[in-house]
Amino acid sequence: MALNCGIVGLPNVGKSTIFSALSSAPAEAANYPFCTINPNVGIVNVPDERLGSLSALFKPERTIPAAVEFVDIAGLVKGASKGEGLGNQFLSHIREVGVIAQVVRCFDNPDIIHVNNKIDPASDMETINIELALADLDTLAKRKDRAERTLKVPSEKKAAETVLAALAKISPLLEDGKPARAAPLSDDEKAAVYDCHFITMKPQLYVCNLDEEGMKALADGGGTGDGKAGAAYMEIVKKQAAAEGTETVAICGKFEAELAGISDREEKKAFLEELGLKESGLVSLIRAAYHLLGLRTFFTAGTDECRAWTIRAGDKAPQAAGVIHTDFEKGFIKAEVYGCDDIFTYGTEAKIKEAGKYRVEGREYIVQDGDVIFFKFNT
């Protein structure tokens, strides 16, 4: 799976504004559809208070956070799966990402054109999800045809039967506009159709793009006046997300873009407090995408450098060592490990050892999110 997150949605829902705030690198944004034809790509630091706390303790020469890639993909429209609105080109970009963040417009503004001339989050989500399902149906039909042909080859019959069994579970879901990831596939079936690269097999979260009044209403528990509509729109999105078993993140794209332009920490804090927020909505989006990608963080810490390293959930110690350098994995001997919470509690590595919290782990150790590790290896 690609280690990146694609930002999708209908035209003019705020994708490029959110991307610009994420990457602090302006993406083309305008009040007309399809202004983003080629996808913009940005590398975004993953906010992690643990890394800041480690740096405060070790006072290193440099601090390096983990990062994740975001891709701003042009707006999809009804008929995209059949090529409408340059749909085929845009769908190919979605196939290359690991997680989909679908931006849904949750604000009223007559000055910003809606492609359907009305604000209707449920309809907007349905349009995107159906187009992605239709695109996958085309892929499924081609894969089914190939599998049926290979049934006639004795040496490939069993593999073809597994493919067809998986496709039989996926097909009715796609025909109903539902995602392939909802199909109850066995591990063998998942492996058999991996080469299909179904778009709707990818994890997806929803990003509610509200205006400032909507964010204030959300912070107030529903609010009144202009912001009430935005909060109501978000409830529609949350209901759909809950039905799919996924997450919802609230963001005010305009506010986040302004916030991204402020460098002073105290000024940023005051800006957030104006909307009754403790942290930026983008922080929630980055964390959600990072975890949906199946990524986890371990740390190396010392006076020269404190650094967050990215691994996949379930990676063992040698694989984690290989993220730092391939030689570390090849010559892996052992990993000296403690949890970052331990150093926050005890203050020094010496006291962690005194408390019996300092561990030596071998090749089969599964690295945990938040581990601080020192690797021993042969050169």
Protein backbone atom coordinates (compact mmCIF):
# COMPACT_ATOMS: atom_id res chain seq x y z
CA MET A 1 0.00 0.00 0.00
CA ALA A 2 1.25 3.47 -0.91
CA LEU A 3 2.28 5.61 2.07
CA ASN A 4 0.19 8.60 1.05
CA CYS A 5 -3.29 10.08 1.37
CA GLY A 6 -5.32 11.33 -1.57
CA ILE A 7 -7.67 14.27 -1.02
CA VAL A 8 -10.79 13.82 -3.17
CA GLY A 9 -14.26 15.29 -3.49
CA LEU A 10 -16.53 17.20 -5.83
CA PRO A 11 -15.19 20.40 -7.42
CA ASN A 12 -15.21 23.50 -5.19
CA VAL A 13 -15.53 21.72 -1.86
CA GLY A 14 -12.22 23.14 -0.57
CA LYS A 15 -9.73 20.35 -1.36
CA SER A 16 -6.99 22.63 -2.68
CA THR A 17 -7.45 25.12 0.16
CA ILE A 18 -7.04 22.32 2.69
CA PHE A 19 -4.05 20.93 0.81
CA SER A 20 -2.39 24.36 0.77
CA ALA A 21 -2.82 24.65 4.52
CA LEU A 22 -1.48 21.12 5.03
CA SER A 23 1.65 21.61 2.99
CA SER A 24 2.01 25.39 3.45
CA ALA A 25 2.66 25.39 -0.30
CA PRO A 26 -0.12 27.09 -2.26
CA ALA A 27 -2.06 24.78 -4.57
CA GLU A 28 -4.05 26.19 -7.46
CA ALA A 29 -7.52 27.05 -6.16
CA ALA A 30 -10.25 28.89 -7.98
CA ASN A 31 -14.02 29.29 -8.11
CA TYR A 32 -14.54 26.92 -11.05
CA PRO A 33 -14.36 23.14 -11.55
CA PHE A 34 -11.26 21.17 -12.57
CA CYS A 35 -8.68 23.86 -11.79
CA THR A 36 -6.47 21.10 -10.32
CA ILE A 37 -5.80 18.77 -13.25
CA ASN A 38 -2.42 17.38 -12.32
CA PRO A 39 -2.28 16.31 -8.66
CA ASN A 40 -0.30 18.44 -6.24
CA VAL A 41 1.89 16.49 -3.82
CA GLY A 42 3.04 17.68 -0.39
CA ILE A 43 5.14 16.08 2.35
CA VAL A 44 3.55 16.89 5.71
CA ASN A 45 5.11 16.52 9.17
CA VAL A 46 3.11 14.36 11.57
CA PRO A 47 2.40 16.37 14.76
CA ASP A 48 3.54 14.39 17.79
CA GLU A 49 3.79 15.88 21.28
CA ARG A 50 5.92 12.92 22.35
CA LEU A 51 8.74 13.99 20.06
CA GLY A 52 8.64 17.50 21.48
CA SER A 53 8.80 16.11 25.01
CA LEU A 54 11.77 13.89 24.11
CA SER A 55 13.57 16.90 22.65
CA ALA A 56 12.90 18.89 25.81
CA LEU A 57 14.59 16.13 27.83
CA PHE A 58 17.57 15.36 25.58
CA LYS A 59 18.06 18.88 24.13
CA PRO A 60 19.39 17.49 20.82
CA GLU A 61 21.09 19.43 18.05
CA ARG A 62 18.18 18.59 15.73
CA THR A 63 14.66 17.19 15.97
CA ILE A 64 13.15 15.36 13.00
CA PRO A 65 9.44 14.44 12.90
CA ALA A 66 7.77 11.65 10.96
CA ALA A 67 6.11 12.64 7.69
CA VAL A 68 3.27 11.53 5.43
CA GLU A 69 2.50 12.46 1.82
CA PHE A 70 -0.75 14.13 0.80
CA VAL A 71 -1.96 14.29 -2.80
CA ASP A 72 -4.50 16.89 -3.96
CA ILE A 73 -6.60 15.18 -6.66
CA ALA A 74 -8.92 17.13 -8.96
CA GLY A 75 -12.65 17.22 -8.34
CA LEU A 76 -14.72 14.25 -9.45
CA VAL A 77 -18.20 14.64 -10.94
CA LYS A 78 -21.09 12.36 -11.77
CA GLY A 79 -20.00 10.27 -14.76
CA ALA A 80 -16.30 10.38 -13.83
CA SER A 81 -16.10 6.58 -14.17
CA LYS A 82 -17.16 7.02 -17.81
CA GLY A 83 -14.70 9.82 -18.46
CA GLU A 84 -16.81 12.85 -17.55
CA GLY A 85 -14.78 15.84 -16.33
CA LEU A 86 -11.49 14.12 -17.25
CA GLY A 87 -12.63 11.44 -14.81
CA ASN A 88 -10.47 8.59 -16.08
CA GLN A 89 -7.31 10.64 -15.54
CA PHE A 90 -8.34 11.61 -12.02
CA LEU A 91 -9.40 8.08 -11.08
CA SER A 92 -5.96 6.81 -12.09
CA HIS A 93 -4.43 9.26 -9.60
CA ILE A 94 -6.68 7.89 -6.83
CA ARG A 95 -5.50 4.34 -7.56
CA GLU A 96 -1.97 5.38 -6.61
CA VAL A 97 -2.73 6.50 -3.03
CA GLY A 98 -2.99 4.39 0.12
CA VAL A 99 -5.83 6.21 1.90
CA ILE A 100 -8.65 8.41 0.63
CA ALA A 101 -9.73 11.58 2.46
CA GLN A 102 -13.06 12.61 0.96
CA VAL A 103 -13.74 16.31 1.51
CA VAL A 104 -17.42 17.16 1.90
CA ARG A 105 -18.72 20.73 1.73
CA CYS A 106 -20.59 21.59 4.93
CA PHE A 107 -21.16 25.32 4.56
CA ASP A 108 -23.47 27.70 2.71
CA ASN A 109 -21.95 30.43 0.56
CA PRO A 110 -23.71 31.70 -2.58
CA ASP A 111 -20.45 33.25 -3.81
CA ILE A 112 -18.77 29.84 -4.11
CA ILE A 113 -20.31 27.75 -6.87
CA HIS A 114 -21.46 24.24 -6.04
CA VAL A 115 -21.27 21.89 -9.01
CA ASN A 116 -24.88 20.78 -8.36
CA ASN A 117 -26.08 24.26 -7.32
CA LYS A 118 -27.15 23.06 -3.87
CA ILE A 119 -25.51 22.05 -0.58
CA ASP A 120 -26.37 18.41 0.05
CA PRO A 121 -23.63 16.41 1.83
CA ALA A 122 -25.47 13.08 1.53
CA SER A 123 -25.86 13.50 -2.23
CA ASP A 124 -22.25 14.67 -2.61
CA MET A 125 -20.90 11.62 -0.76
CA GLU A 126 -23.16 9.31 -2.74
CA THR A 127 -21.93 10.79 -6.04
CA ILE A 128 -18.26 10.23 -5.16
CA ASN A 129 -18.79 6.77 -3.69
CA ILE A 130 -20.88 5.58 -6.65
CA GLU A 131 -18.31 6.84 -9.16
CA LEU A 132 -15.51 5.03 -7.33
CA ALA A 133 -17.65 1.87 -7.17
CA LEU A 134 -18.47 2.09 -10.89
CA ALA A 135 -14.79 2.46 -11.72
CA ASP A 136 -14.09 -0.67 -9.66
CA LEU A 137 -16.90 -2.55 -11.44
CA ASP A 138 -15.08 -1.99 -14.73
CA THR A 139 -11.90 -3.35 -13.17
CA LEU A 140 -13.81 -6.31 -11.72
CA ALA A 141 -15.36 -7.21 -15.08
CA LYS A 142 -11.94 -7.34 -16.74
CA ARG A 143 -10.44 -9.42 -13.91
CA LYS A 144 -13.41 -11.80 -13.92
CA ASP A 145 -13.07 -12.36 -17.66
CA ARG A 146 -9.37 -13.17 -17.26
CA ALA A 147 -10.04 -15.55 -14.35
CA GLU A 148 -12.76 -17.39 -16.27
CA ARG A 149 -10.35 -17.96 -19.15
CA THR A 150 -7.65 -19.38 -16.86
CA LEU A 151 -10.15 -21.84 -15.34
CA LYS A 152 -9.44 -23.98 -18.40
CA VAL A 153 -5.76 -24.24 -17.47
CA PRO A 154 -5.35 -27.12 -14.96
CA SER A 155 -2.33 -25.59 -13.22
CA GLU A 156 -4.16 -22.26 -12.70
CA LYS A 157 -7.66 -23.55 -11.97
CA LYS A 158 -7.46 -23.38 -8.16
CA ALA A 159 -6.08 -19.81 -8.17
CA ALA A 160 -8.75 -18.73 -10.66
CA GLU A 161 -11.48 -20.23 -8.47
CA THR A 162 -10.22 -18.21 -5.49
CA VAL A 163 -10.28 -15.03 -7.59
CA LEU A 164 -13.82 -15.70 -8.79
CA ALA A 165 -15.01 -16.45 -5.26
CA ALA A 166 -13.65 -13.10 -4.07
CA LEU A 167 -15.13 -11.21 -7.01
CA ALA A 168 -18.52 -12.83 -6.37
CA LYS A 169 -18.49 -11.30 -2.87
CA ILE A 170 -17.34 -7.88 -4.08
CA SER A 171 -19.57 -7.48 -7.15
CA PRO A 172 -22.98 -7.05 -5.43
CA LEU A 173 -21.52 -4.43 -3.08
CA LEU A 174 -20.12 -2.36 -5.95
CA GLU A 175 -23.39 -2.68 -7.87
CA ASP A 176 -25.11 -1.19 -4.83
CA GLY A 177 -22.61 1.69 -4.67
CA LYS A 178 -20.87 0.24 -1.62
CA PRO A 179 -17.10 -0.24 -1.19
CA ALA A 180 -15.17 -3.42 -1.92
CA ARG A 181 -13.55 -3.17 1.53
CA ALA A 182 -16.92 -4.18 3.04
CA ALA A 183 -16.71 -7.63 1.44
CA PRO A 184 -16.03 -10.49 3.91
CA LEU A 185 -12.92 -11.83 2.17
CA SER A 186 -10.54 -14.44 3.52
CA ASP A 187 -6.82 -13.67 3.56
CA ASP A 188 -6.37 -15.90 0.49
CA GLU A 189 -9.15 -14.07 -1.35
CA LYS A 190 -7.68 -10.67 -0.50
CA ALA A 191 -4.31 -11.78 -1.83
CA ALA A 192 -5.92 -13.22 -4.98
CA VAL A 193 -7.53 -9.90 -5.98
CA TYR A 194 -4.75 -7.62 -4.77
CA ASP A 195 -3.65 -7.07 -8.37
CA CYS A 196 -7.04 -5.45 -9.09
CA HIS A 197 -6.05 -2.44 -6.96
CA PHE A 198 -9.71 -1.65 -6.27
CA ILE A 199 -10.14 2.01 -5.33
CA THR A 200 -12.90 1.21 -2.84
CA MET A 201 -10.70 -1.36 -1.11
CA LYS A 202 -8.63 1.55 0.21
CA PRO A 203 -9.43 2.94 3.69
CA GLN A 204 -11.43 6.17 3.51
CA LEU A 205 -12.20 8.95 5.98
CA TYR A 206 -14.46 11.96 5.59
CA VAL A 207 -13.34 15.58 6.00
CA CYS A 208 -16.13 18.04 6.77
CA ASN A 209 -15.16 21.45 5.42
CA LEU A 210 -17.09 24.00 7.49
CA ASP A 211 -16.95 27.78 7.56
CA GLU A 212 -15.85 29.65 10.69
CA GLU A 213 -19.40 29.96 12.00
CA GLY A 214 -19.86 26.22 11.55
CA MET A 215 -16.69 25.48 13.52
CA LYS A 216 -17.83 27.79 16.31
CA ALA A 217 -21.21 26.07 16.38
CA LEU A 218 -19.50 22.70 16.56
CA ALA A 219 -17.32 23.86 19.47
CA ASP A 220 -20.47 25.14 21.22
CA GLY A 221 -22.24 21.81 20.84
CA GLY A 222 -24.53 22.72 17.94
CA GLY A 223 -24.82 26.46 18.25
CA THR A 224 -27.34 28.77 16.66
CA GLY A 225 -27.63 31.15 13.73
CA ASP A 226 -25.42 30.83 10.65
CA GLY A 227 -23.27 28.07 12.10
CA LYS A 228 -26.16 25.75 12.93
CA ALA A 229 -26.54 24.65 9.30
CA GLY A 230 -22.88 23.65 9.11
CA ALA A 231 -23.13 21.58 12.28
CA ALA A 232 -26.27 19.91 10.87
CA TYR A 233 -24.46 19.13 7.61
CA MET A 234 -21.66 17.52 9.58
CA GLU A 235 -24.11 15.28 11.44
CA ILE A 236 -25.19 13.89 8.07
CA VAL A 237 -21.56 13.09 7.21
CA LYS A 238 -20.89 11.54 10.63
CA LYS A 239 -23.92 9.27 10.25
CA GLN A 240 -22.63 8.01 6.90
CA ALA A 241 -19.10 7.57 8.26
CA ALA A 242 -20.41 5.60 11.25
CA ALA A 243 -22.32 3.29 8.91
CA GLU A 244 -19.07 2.62 7.06
CA GLY A 245 -17.07 2.21 10.28
CA THR A 246 -14.73 5.08 9.48
CA GLU A 247 -13.70 8.47 10.88
CA THR A 248 -14.90 12.03 10.41
CA VAL A 249 -12.66 15.09 10.77
CA ALA A 250 -13.94 18.68 10.99
CA ILE A 251 -11.93 21.41 9.28
CA CYS A 252 -12.46 25.02 8.27
CA GLY A 253 -10.32 25.25 5.13
CA LYS A 254 -10.30 29.05 5.06
CA PHE A 255 -9.35 29.24 8.74
CA GLU A 256 -6.62 26.60 8.35
CA ALA A 257 -5.14 28.46 5.38
CA GLU A 258 -4.93 31.63 7.48
CA LEU A 259 -3.52 29.70 10.44
CA ALA A 260 -0.82 28.16 8.24
CA GLY A 261 0.46 31.66 7.48
CA ILE A 262 1.11 32.44 11.18
CA SER A 263 4.55 31.48 12.45
CA ASP A 264 4.31 32.74 16.04
CA ARG A 265 3.11 29.93 18.38
CA GLU A 266 1.29 32.21 20.81
CA GLU A 267 -0.49 34.01 17.99
CA LYS A 268 -1.54 30.62 16.57
CA LYS A 269 -2.86 29.58 19.97
CA ALA A 270 -4.90 32.78 20.25
CA PHE A 271 -6.22 32.28 16.72
CA LEU A 272 -7.39 28.77 17.62
CA GLU A 273 -9.03 29.98 20.82
CA GLU A 274 -11.15 32.39 18.80
CA LEU A 275 -12.98 29.35 17.42
CA GLY A 276 -12.92 27.51 20.75
CA LEU A 277 -10.40 24.96 19.45
CA LYS A 278 -7.51 23.34 21.29
CA GLU A 279 -5.69 22.29 18.11
CA SER A 280 -5.90 22.67 14.35
CA GLY A 281 -8.32 20.43 12.47
CA LEU A 282 -5.45 19.58 10.16
CA VAL A 283 -3.65 17.93 13.08
CA SER A 284 -6.60 15.54 13.45
CA LEU A 285 -6.60 14.88 9.71
CA ILE A 286 -2.87 14.11 9.58
CA ARG A 287 -3.08 11.74 12.55
CA ALA A 288 -6.16 9.99 11.17
CA ALA A 289 -4.55 9.49 7.75
CA TYR A 290 -1.30 8.27 9.33
CA HIS A 291 -3.10 5.62 11.36
CA LEU A 292 -5.45 4.56 8.55
CA LEU A 293 -2.33 3.95 6.47
CA GLY A 294 -1.38 1.42 9.14
CA LEU A 295 1.62 3.49 10.18
CA ARG A 296 3.14 3.70 13.63
CA THR A 297 6.02 5.68 15.16
CA PHE A 298 9.09 4.71 17.12
CA PHE A 299 11.79 7.09 18.29
CA THR A 300 15.55 7.34 18.54
CA ALA A 301 16.73 9.84 21.12
CA GLY A 302 20.04 11.38 22.12
CA THR A 303 21.92 14.65 22.40
CA ASP A 304 22.74 14.68 18.69
CA GLU A 305 19.24 13.93 17.39
CA CYS A 306 15.71 13.08 18.45
CA ARG A 307 13.81 11.54 15.57
CA ALA A 308 10.43 9.94 14.84
CA TRP A 309 10.62 6.96 12.47
CA THR A 310 7.71 5.49 10.54
CA ILE A 311 6.96 1.76 10.44
CA ARG A 312 3.93 -0.36 9.66
CA ALA A 313 1.87 -1.75 12.51
CA GLY A 314 3.17 -5.23 13.24
CA ASP A 315 6.75 -4.64 12.04
CA LYS A 316 9.41 -6.50 14.01
CA ALA A 317 12.62 -5.03 15.42
CA PRO A 318 14.88 -5.88 12.42
CA GLN A 319 12.40 -4.25 10.02
CA ALA A 320 12.31 -1.14 12.19
CA ALA A 321 16.11 -1.09 12.21
CA GLY A 322 16.06 -1.30 8.42
CA VAL A 323 14.04 1.92 8.26
CA ILE A 324 17.09 3.71 9.69
CA HIS A 325 19.59 1.90 7.45
CA THR A 326 19.53 -1.37 5.52
CA ASP A 327 22.80 -2.39 7.23
CA PHE A 328 21.03 -2.20 10.61
CA GLU A 329 18.53 -4.82 9.47
CA LYS A 330 21.11 -7.10 7.85
CA GLY A 331 23.38 -7.07 10.90
CA PHE A 332 20.69 -6.85 13.58
CA ILE A 333 21.77 -8.22 16.96
CA LYS A 334 19.30 -6.78 19.47
CA ALA A 335 17.19 -3.76 20.34
CA GLU A 336 17.40 -1.90 23.64
CA VAL A 337 13.89 -0.58 24.25
CA TYR A 338 11.78 1.50 26.60
CA GLY A 339 8.49 3.33 26.15
CA CYS A 340 8.52 7.09 25.73
CA ASP A 341 6.07 7.26 28.66
CA ASP A 342 8.79 5.67 30.81
CA ILE A 343 11.27 8.47 30.16
CA PHE A 344 8.56 11.05 30.77
CA THR A 345 7.87 9.37 34.13
CA TYR A 346 11.44 8.66 35.30
CA GLY A 347 13.33 11.46 33.56
CA THR A 348 16.53 9.60 32.64
CA GLU A 349 17.52 6.29 31.07
CA ALA A 350 19.48 5.42 34.23
CA LYS A 351 16.32 5.68 36.34
CA ILE A 352 14.37 3.67 33.76
CA LYS A 353 16.94 0.88 34.18
CA GLU A 354 16.69 1.13 37.97
CA ALA A 355 12.91 0.71 37.67
CA GLY A 356 13.34 -2.39 35.50
CA LYS A 357 11.65 -0.76 32.51
CA TYR A 358 14.68 -0.93 30.19
CA ARG A 359 14.35 -4.04 27.99
CA VAL A 360 16.53 -5.99 25.57
CA GLU A 361 14.50 -7.42 22.69
CA GLY A 362 15.39 -9.84 19.89
CA ARG A 363 14.45 -10.45 16.27
CA GLU A 364 10.83 -11.45 16.98
CA TYR A 365 9.94 -8.36 19.00
CA ILE A 366 7.01 -6.44 17.48
CA VAL A 367 7.80 -2.75 17.78
CA GLN A 368 5.13 -0.75 19.60
CA ASP A 369 3.98 2.78 18.82
CA GLY A 370 5.94 5.12 21.09
CA ASP A 371 8.94 2.84 21.66
CA VAL A 372 12.32 4.52 22.09
CA ILE A 373 14.94 2.16 20.62
CA PHE A 374 18.71 1.82 20.45
CA PHE A 375 19.78 -0.84 17.94
CA LYS A 376 22.88 -3.04 18.21
CA PHE A 377 24.11 -4.52 14.94
CA ASN A 378 27.10 -6.11 13.21
CA THR A 379 28.76 -4.13 10.44
